[in-house]
N, C-alpha and C. Protein backbone atom coordinates (compact mmCIF):
# COMPACT_ATOMS: atom_id res chain seq x y z
N MET A 1 67.35 55.23 118.58
CA MET A 1 68.12 53.82 118.51
C MET A 1 67.69 52.74 118.06
N THR A 2 67.99 51.78 117.74
CA THR A 2 67.74 50.83 117.29
C THR A 2 68.30 49.42 117.07
N TYR A 3 67.75 48.14 117.42
CA TYR A 3 68.39 47.07 117.45
C TYR A 3 68.84 46.45 115.99
N ILE A 4 70.03 45.89 116.92
CA ILE A 4 70.46 44.88 115.47
C ILE A 4 71.09 43.47 115.53
N VAL A 5 70.87 42.78 115.26
CA VAL A 5 71.85 41.69 115.11
C VAL A 5 73.09 41.19 114.65
N ASN A 6 73.98 40.76 115.68
CA ASN A 6 75.58 40.33 115.44
C ASN A 6 75.72 39.06 114.83
N ASP A 7 77.17 38.90 114.53
CA ASP A 7 77.22 37.73 114.28
C ASP A 7 77.20 36.65 114.95
N ASN A 8 76.67 36.78 116.13
CA ASN A 8 76.77 35.38 116.74
C ASN A 8 75.05 34.81 116.46
N CYS A 9 74.13 35.45 115.85
CA CYS A 9 73.11 34.70 115.31
C CYS A 9 73.59 33.70 114.14
N ILE A 10 74.91 34.05 113.67
CA ILE A 10 75.55 33.27 112.44
C ILE A 10 75.45 31.49 112.79
N GLY A 11 74.56 30.65 112.05
CA GLY A 11 74.42 29.07 112.53
C GLY A 11 73.54 28.55 113.69
N CYS A 12 73.20 29.98 114.28
CA CYS A 12 72.11 29.45 114.88
C CYS A 12 70.93 30.18 114.50
N LYS A 13 70.35 30.92 114.34
CA LYS A 13 69.35 31.22 113.67
C LYS A 13 68.22 31.29 114.73
N HIS A 14 68.25 31.14 116.30
CA HIS A 14 67.09 31.21 116.81
C HIS A 14 65.93 32.25 116.20
N THR A 15 64.71 31.65 116.47
CA THR A 15 63.61 32.71 116.11
C THR A 15 62.80 33.02 117.36
N ASP A 16 63.26 32.94 118.41
CA ASP A 16 62.17 33.53 119.39
C ASP A 16 61.89 35.21 119.15
N CYS A 17 63.08 35.86 118.84
CA CYS A 17 62.46 37.13 118.65
C CYS A 17 61.40 37.19 117.70
N VAL A 18 61.62 36.65 117.04
CA VAL A 18 60.15 37.04 115.58
C VAL A 18 59.05 37.19 116.32
N GLU A 19 59.01 36.16 117.39
CA GLU A 19 57.50 35.62 117.55
C GLU A 19 56.96 37.03 118.40
N VAL A 20 58.04 37.69 118.98
CA VAL A 20 57.24 39.13 120.19
C VAL A 20 57.53 40.60 119.40
N CYS A 21 58.18 40.88 118.57
CA CYS A 21 57.90 41.91 117.90
C CYS A 21 57.31 42.34 117.04
N PRO A 22 56.69 43.28 117.77
CA PRO A 22 55.27 43.73 117.45
C PRO A 22 55.03 44.49 115.81
N VAL A 23 56.34 44.67 115.41
CA VAL A 23 56.20 45.20 113.94
C VAL A 23 57.10 44.58 112.80
N ASP A 24 56.88 43.67 113.15
CA ASP A 24 57.71 42.42 111.74
C ASP A 24 59.14 43.13 111.10
N CYS A 25 59.96 44.00 112.06
CA CYS A 25 61.12 44.12 111.08
C CYS A 25 62.47 43.02 110.89
N PHE A 26 62.22 41.67 111.61
CA PHE A 26 63.22 40.90 110.99
C PHE A 26 63.00 39.62 109.90
N TYR A 27 64.36 39.90 109.41
CA TYR A 27 64.46 39.18 108.23
C TYR A 27 65.59 38.09 108.13
N GLU A 28 65.22 36.83 107.20
CA GLU A 28 65.75 35.79 107.19
C GLU A 28 66.46 35.63 106.32
N GLY A 29 67.77 35.43 106.57
CA GLY A 29 68.95 34.52 105.63
C GLY A 29 68.81 33.06 105.87
N GLU A 30 70.09 32.50 105.24
CA GLU A 30 69.69 31.35 105.14
C GLU A 30 70.67 30.50 106.68
N ASN A 31 71.40 31.30 107.13
CA ASN A 31 71.90 30.67 108.41
C ASN A 31 71.88 31.75 109.73
N MET A 32 71.41 32.68 109.59
CA MET A 32 71.14 34.30 110.29
C MET A 32 69.95 35.06 110.25
N LEU A 33 69.20 35.89 110.96
CA LEU A 33 68.57 36.84 110.77
C LEU A 33 69.01 38.22 111.10
N VAL A 34 68.40 39.43 110.69
CA VAL A 34 68.52 40.66 110.44
C VAL A 34 67.59 41.39 110.96
N ILE A 35 67.34 42.46 111.37
CA ILE A 35 66.77 43.59 111.83
C ILE A 35 66.83 44.59 110.62
N HIS A 36 65.81 45.02 110.50
CA HIS A 36 65.80 46.13 109.24
C HIS A 36 65.40 47.83 110.62
N PRO A 37 66.81 48.15 110.38
CA PRO A 37 67.08 49.22 111.34
C PRO A 37 66.23 50.02 111.41
N ASP A 38 65.09 50.70 109.83
CA ASP A 38 64.30 51.53 109.80
C ASP A 38 63.02 51.31 110.42
N GLU A 39 62.91 49.76 110.38
CA GLU A 39 61.71 49.27 111.17
C GLU A 39 61.54 49.33 112.24
N CYS A 40 62.38 49.07 113.10
CA CYS A 40 62.73 48.76 114.40
C CYS A 40 62.09 50.18 114.96
N ILE A 41 61.27 49.56 116.17
CA ILE A 41 60.96 50.85 116.97
C ILE A 41 61.53 51.06 118.45
N ASP A 42 62.52 50.29 118.86
CA ASP A 42 63.15 50.49 119.80
C ASP A 42 62.07 50.07 120.68
N CYS A 43 61.45 48.74 120.29
CA CYS A 43 60.70 48.35 121.93
C CYS A 43 61.74 47.58 122.66
N GLY A 44 62.68 46.90 122.60
CA GLY A 44 63.79 46.20 123.05
C GLY A 44 63.00 45.09 123.59
N VAL A 45 62.04 44.20 123.25
CA VAL A 45 61.36 42.89 123.82
C VAL A 45 61.99 41.93 122.86
N CYS A 46 62.68 42.10 122.29
CA CYS A 46 63.05 40.74 121.46
C CYS A 46 64.66 40.65 121.72
N GLU A 47 65.60 41.62 122.13
CA GLU A 47 66.64 41.55 123.15
C GLU A 47 66.70 40.10 123.94
N PRO A 48 66.02 40.21 125.03
CA PRO A 48 65.58 39.07 125.99
C PRO A 48 65.77 37.74 125.94
N GLU A 49 64.95 37.73 124.44
CA GLU A 49 64.33 36.55 123.79
C GLU A 49 65.10 35.92 123.46
N CYS A 50 66.47 36.03 122.98
CA CYS A 50 67.93 35.55 122.29
C CYS A 50 68.72 34.54 122.95
N PRO A 51 68.93 33.59 122.70
CA PRO A 51 69.42 32.66 123.95
C PRO A 51 70.73 33.11 123.60
N VAL A 52 71.30 33.43 122.25
CA VAL A 52 72.87 33.62 122.32
C VAL A 52 73.75 35.35 122.30
N ASP A 53 72.32 36.08 122.96
CA ASP A 53 72.81 37.45 122.95
C ASP A 53 73.28 37.97 121.80
N ALA A 54 72.91 37.72 120.51
CA ALA A 54 73.04 38.20 119.14
C ALA A 54 72.35 39.62 118.99
N ILE A 55 71.13 39.78 119.83
CA ILE A 55 70.60 41.13 119.91
C ILE A 55 71.09 42.43 120.72
N LEU A 56 71.48 43.64 120.18
CA LEU A 56 72.37 44.65 120.90
C LEU A 56 71.13 45.78 120.20
N PRO A 57 71.47 46.82 120.66
CA PRO A 57 71.10 47.92 121.30
C PRO A 57 72.43 48.71 119.88
N ASP A 58 72.01 49.51 118.73
CA ASP A 58 73.19 50.24 117.92
C ASP A 58 74.07 51.22 119.00
N THR A 59 73.43 51.31 120.18
CA THR A 59 74.37 52.30 120.89
C THR A 59 75.78 52.19 121.79
N GLU A 60 75.37 50.47 121.34
CA GLU A 60 76.78 49.74 122.22
C GLU A 60 78.27 50.17 121.62
N PRO A 61 79.15 50.25 121.72
CA PRO A 61 80.28 50.55 121.26
C PRO A 61 80.79 49.96 120.17
N ASP A 62 80.82 50.46 118.39
CA ASP A 62 81.37 49.36 117.50
C ASP A 62 79.84 49.03 116.82
N MET A 63 78.90 49.43 116.79
CA MET A 63 78.17 49.05 116.46
C MET A 63 77.73 49.54 114.67
N GLU A 64 78.22 50.46 114.34
CA GLU A 64 77.82 51.30 112.93
C GLU A 64 77.90 49.95 111.87
N LYS A 65 78.97 49.57 111.61
CA LYS A 65 79.17 48.41 110.43
C LYS A 65 77.99 47.07 111.06
N TRP A 66 77.30 46.90 112.09
CA TRP A 66 75.88 46.02 112.09
C TRP A 66 74.96 46.77 111.65
N VAL A 67 74.99 47.76 112.30
CA VAL A 67 73.53 48.95 111.50
C VAL A 67 73.47 48.74 109.90
N GLU A 68 74.88 48.72 109.31
CA GLU A 68 74.93 49.14 107.92
C GLU A 68 74.35 47.14 107.50
N PHE A 69 75.17 46.35 108.55
CA PHE A 69 74.72 44.99 107.70
C PHE A 69 73.80 44.88 107.51
N ASN A 70 72.63 45.08 108.36
CA ASN A 70 71.63 44.53 108.87
C ASN A 70 70.75 45.25 108.15
N ARG A 71 70.93 46.68 107.79
CA ARG A 71 70.29 47.63 106.87
C ARG A 71 70.18 46.54 105.20
N LYS A 72 71.75 46.36 104.95
CA LYS A 72 71.53 45.47 103.70
C LYS A 72 71.08 44.45 103.76
N TYR A 73 71.44 43.30 104.31
CA TYR A 73 70.46 42.24 103.98
C TYR A 73 69.02 42.05 104.41
N SER A 74 68.55 43.14 105.30
CA SER A 74 66.95 43.19 105.44
C SER A 74 66.41 43.73 104.35
N GLU A 75 66.97 44.11 103.62
CA GLU A 75 66.60 44.78 101.91
C GLU A 75 66.62 43.62 100.93
N LEU A 76 67.28 42.80 100.80
CA LEU A 76 67.56 41.21 100.23
C LEU A 76 66.83 39.78 100.59
N TRP A 77 66.94 40.08 101.69
CA TRP A 77 65.97 38.82 102.33
C TRP A 77 64.61 39.10 102.81
N PRO A 78 63.70 37.65 102.75
CA PRO A 78 62.46 38.23 102.79
C PRO A 78 62.32 38.45 104.88
N VAL A 79 60.79 38.86 104.57
CA VAL A 79 60.81 38.83 106.15
C VAL A 79 60.35 37.78 106.77
N ILE A 80 60.53 37.60 108.63
CA ILE A 80 60.25 36.42 108.78
C ILE A 80 59.44 36.67 110.45
N ILE A 81 57.72 36.32 110.35
CA ILE A 81 57.56 36.70 111.35
C ILE A 81 57.06 35.52 112.18
N THR A 82 57.36 34.35 111.77
CA THR A 82 56.56 33.10 112.52
C THR A 82 58.17 32.37 113.34
N GLN A 83 58.16 32.39 114.57
CA GLN A 83 58.69 31.03 115.05
C GLN A 83 59.17 30.00 114.56
N THR A 84 60.57 29.10 114.19
CA THR A 84 60.72 27.74 113.51
C THR A 84 61.96 27.62 114.65
N GLU A 85 62.30 26.26 114.40
CA GLU A 85 63.44 25.55 115.08
C GLU A 85 64.47 26.53 115.04
N PRO A 86 65.43 26.43 115.80
CA PRO A 86 66.88 26.82 115.41
C PRO A 86 67.76 25.79 114.63
N LEU A 87 68.80 26.45 114.14
CA LEU A 87 69.47 25.60 113.02
C LEU A 87 70.12 24.31 113.82
N PRO A 88 70.37 23.42 113.14
CA PRO A 88 70.69 21.94 114.07
C PRO A 88 72.03 21.53 114.48
N GLU A 89 72.87 22.99 114.14
CA GLU A 89 74.07 23.09 114.50
C GLU A 89 74.02 24.35 115.75
N ALA A 90 73.34 24.63 116.24
CA ALA A 90 73.08 26.08 116.99
C ALA A 90 73.66 26.12 118.28
N GLU A 91 73.83 24.90 119.13
CA GLU A 91 74.73 24.94 120.18
C GLU A 91 75.92 24.88 120.11
N LYS A 92 76.63 24.53 118.86
CA LYS A 92 77.61 24.30 118.77
C LYS A 92 78.47 25.33 118.39
N MET A 93 77.47 26.14 117.31
CA MET A 93 77.90 27.59 116.94
C MET A 93 77.90 28.37 117.67
N ASP A 94 77.70 28.69 119.11
CA ASP A 94 77.05 29.50 119.84
C ASP A 94 78.34 30.09 120.38
N GLY A 95 78.83 31.63 120.01
CA GLY A 95 79.90 32.09 120.67
C GLY A 95 81.40 31.62 119.69
N LEU A 96 81.28 30.61 118.71
CA LEU A 96 82.59 30.61 117.63
C LEU A 96 82.67 31.50 116.77
N PRO A 97 84.18 31.87 117.21
CA PRO A 97 84.92 32.95 116.61
C PRO A 97 84.49 33.15 115.11
N ASN A 98 84.74 34.13 114.74
CA ASN A 98 85.02 34.85 112.78
C ASN A 98 84.14 34.02 112.35
N LYS A 99 82.53 34.00 112.94
CA LYS A 99 81.43 32.98 111.85
C LYS A 99 81.18 33.90 110.96
N LEU A 100 81.69 35.31 110.91
CA LEU A 100 81.19 36.29 109.91
C LEU A 100 82.07 36.02 108.43
N GLU A 101 83.14 35.41 108.75
CA GLU A 101 84.46 35.36 107.85
C GLU A 101 84.21 33.52 107.17
N THR A 102 83.76 33.09 108.12
CA THR A 102 83.90 31.47 107.91
C THR A 102 82.45 30.45 107.95
N VAL A 103 81.70 31.22 108.20
CA VAL A 103 80.48 30.68 108.24
C VAL A 103 78.98 31.46 107.52
N PHE A 104 79.03 32.43 107.27
CA PHE A 104 78.15 33.26 107.11
C PHE A 104 77.58 33.11 105.86
N SER A 105 76.39 33.06 105.05
CA SER A 105 75.88 32.83 104.03
C SER A 105 74.91 33.79 103.57
N GLU A 106 74.94 34.37 102.17
CA GLU A 106 74.19 35.37 101.96
C GLU A 106 73.01 34.98 101.24
N LYS A 107 72.83 34.09 100.96
CA LYS A 107 71.44 33.67 100.87
C LYS A 107 70.30 34.03 101.36
N PRO A 108 69.23 33.97 100.76
CA PRO A 108 68.37 34.50 101.44
C PRO A 108 67.72 33.00 102.22
N GLY A 109 66.94 33.16 103.24
CA GLY A 109 65.94 32.15 103.80
C GLY A 109 64.54 32.14 103.26
N LYS A 110 63.54 31.04 103.97
CA LYS A 110 62.44 31.44 103.50
C LYS A 110 61.38 32.41 103.88
N GLY A 111 61.67 32.81 105.00
CA GLY A 111 60.75 33.82 105.28
C GLY A 111 59.64 33.19 105.68
N GLY A 112 58.69 34.23 106.25
CA GLY A 112 57.32 33.45 106.60
C GLY A 112 56.99 33.58 107.63
């Protein structure tokens, strides 16, 4: 099992999760985070830290596409290990539908 980040992170990018990750498996895009599924050790400490419930185990229904999504972008984006401020519109973006189609950016974040 592994944990993944889903589309509710898009536009929010809270980084509380990266502070607690013991293996530094989070990667930063311009407006979201992903988890490298091969680096995640299934400890689960990140899941309760996400204030928008964007981190889920891959055992939830229909997670295959999110596992591959996280894998793809974790190989393109820089690792992030330091907590930063969420995006300015985070509160407004929480729960907004269709963010993958309307808001998602493939651009990498700064990492760090």
